[in-house]
Protein backbone atom coordinates (compact mmCIF):
# COMPACT_ATOMS: atom_id res chain seq x y z
CA MET A 1 59.72 146.76 71.31
CA LYS A 2 58.57 146.36 74.68
CA TYR A 3 58.40 142.99 76.93
CA GLY A 4 56.14 141.55 79.94
CA PRO A 5 56.96 140.92 83.15
CA LEU A 6 59.62 138.68 84.29
CA ALA A 7 59.35 136.47 86.57
CA ILE A 8 62.00 133.47 88.21
CA ASN A 9 60.97 131.74 91.14
CA ALA A 10 63.67 129.52 92.80
CA ALA A 11 61.66 128.89 95.71
CA ASP A 12 61.11 125.47 95.19
CA ALA A 13 64.75 124.92 94.16
CA PRO A 14 66.85 125.34 97.02
CA GLY A 15 70.66 126.61 96.35
CA LEU A 16 69.89 127.61 92.74
CA MET A 17 72.94 129.54 91.82
CA ILE A 18 72.94 132.07 89.08
CA LYS A 19 76.41 132.80 87.88
CA GLY A 20 78.31 135.19 85.95
CA GLY A 21 82.46 133.94 86.37
CA GLY A 22 83.15 137.36 86.68
CA ALA A 23 82.77 138.39 82.44
CA ALA A 24 78.90 139.54 82.75
CA ARG A 25 76.09 140.78 83.69
CA LEU A 26 73.54 138.25 85.20
CA PHE A 27 70.74 140.23 83.90
CA SER A 28 69.29 143.80 82.03
CA VAL A 29 65.65 143.91 82.44
CA ASP A 30 64.33 146.55 79.51
CA GLU A 31 62.69 149.59 80.95
CA SER A 32 59.12 149.85 81.59
CA VAL A 33 59.28 146.22 82.73
CA THR A 34 58.12 144.74 85.97
CA ALA A 35 60.83 141.66 87.26
CA THR A 36 60.50 139.39 90.01
CA PHE A 37 63.31 137.77 90.93
CA ILE A 38 62.38 134.51 93.95
CA GLY A 39 64.91 132.37 96.28
CA LEU A 40 67.86 132.95 93.86
CA ARG A 41 71.31 133.16 94.40
CA LEU A 42 73.03 135.39 91.52
CA HIS A 43 76.98 135.25 91.72
CA GLY A 44 79.98 137.11 90.32
CA GLY A 45 78.28 138.53 88.10
CA ARG A 46 80.17 141.66 86.68
CA ALA A 47 79.13 144.75 84.49
CA VAL A 48 81.56 145.75 81.98
CA GLY A 49 82.29 148.74 80.73
CA GLY A 50 82.55 152.53 79.73
CA GLY A 51 83.21 153.55 83.55
CA THR A 52 79.57 153.74 84.69
CA SER A 53 78.45 150.81 84.10
CA PRO A 54 75.26 149.59 86.50
CA GLY A 55 74.80 146.25 87.91
CA GLY A 56 77.48 143.28 88.48
CA ALA A 57 74.29 140.64 88.88
CA ILE A 58 71.03 142.86 87.94
CA SER A 59 70.59 146.45 86.02
CA THR A 60 67.02 147.42 84.89
CA GLY A 61 65.98 150.55 82.36
CA ASN A 62 64.15 153.36 83.47
CA VAL A 63 60.60 152.90 85.41
CA THR A 64 60.87 149.37 86.20
CA ARG A 65 59.40 147.81 88.90
CA LEU A 66 61.18 145.26 90.19
CA THR A 67 61.40 143.67 93.81
CA ILE A 68 63.97 140.85 94.92
CA GLN A 69 63.04 138.29 97.50
CA HIS A 70 64.93 135.52 98.96
CA CYS A 71 67.47 136.34 97.31
CA ARG A 72 71.95 136.19 98.49
CA PHE A 73 73.81 138.54 96.09
CA ASP A 74 77.81 137.65 96.06
CA ALA A 75 80.68 138.99 94.64
CA ASN A 76 79.03 140.94 91.79
CA VAL A 77 81.20 144.57 90.59
CA ALA A 78 80.23 146.99 88.87
CA ASP A 79 81.11 150.76 88.47
CA ILE A 80 77.97 151.34 90.29
CA GLY A 81 75.33 149.48 92.12
CA GLY A 82 78.03 146.49 93.13
CA ALA A 83 74.79 143.44 92.84
CA VAL A 84 72.10 145.69 91.33
CA CYS A 85 71.07 148.94 90.01
CA ALA A 86 67.54 150.60 89.07
CA GLY A 87 67.19 153.09 86.77
CA TYR A 88 65.61 156.60 87.19
CA GLY A 89 62.35 156.54 88.22
CA SER A 90 62.62 152.13 89.29
CA ILE A 91 60.53 150.82 92.10
CA THR A 92 62.39 148.62 93.78
CA THR A 93 61.52 145.97 96.96
CA ILE A 94 64.18 143.56 98.39
CA ASP A 95 63.08 142.17 101.20
CA ASP A 96 64.65 139.48 103.53
CA SER A 97 68.20 138.66 101.10
CA THR A 98 71.88 138.98 101.79
CA PHE A 99 74.35 141.32 100.28
CA ILE A 100 78.42 139.79 100.66
CA GLY A 101 81.09 140.61 99.44
CA ASN A 102 79.59 142.53 95.97
CA ASP A 103 81.77 146.34 95.29
CA GLY A 104 79.77 148.62 93.64
CA SER A 105 83.20 151.13 93.10
CA GLY A 106 84.65 150.07 90.06
CA ALA A 107 87.85 149.56 91.39
CA GLY A 108 86.75 145.75 90.28
CA ASN A 109 86.54 145.94 86.71
């Protein structure tokens, strides 16, 4: 089953933070989906799994179109792509966003 586009626009809610508490990834986007994140702070996401878990804040399936604007990513942990990891063949656009203290080495898992 394929899902339609996902858009989360927090531009009118300054300071909106989504917290993972170091326990779970914040967003998993299915393959072939268009996803847009605007004006969010994504904090403390953690991709847990068998040694190759991608994207502590956002992980996408293959052939997705991911747009990130005016977001802040901090303290996210994963084996691959501490904050964001896009699947094979995906198109990712990141504009005016900040990445602080994310760990994609797997060391934090």
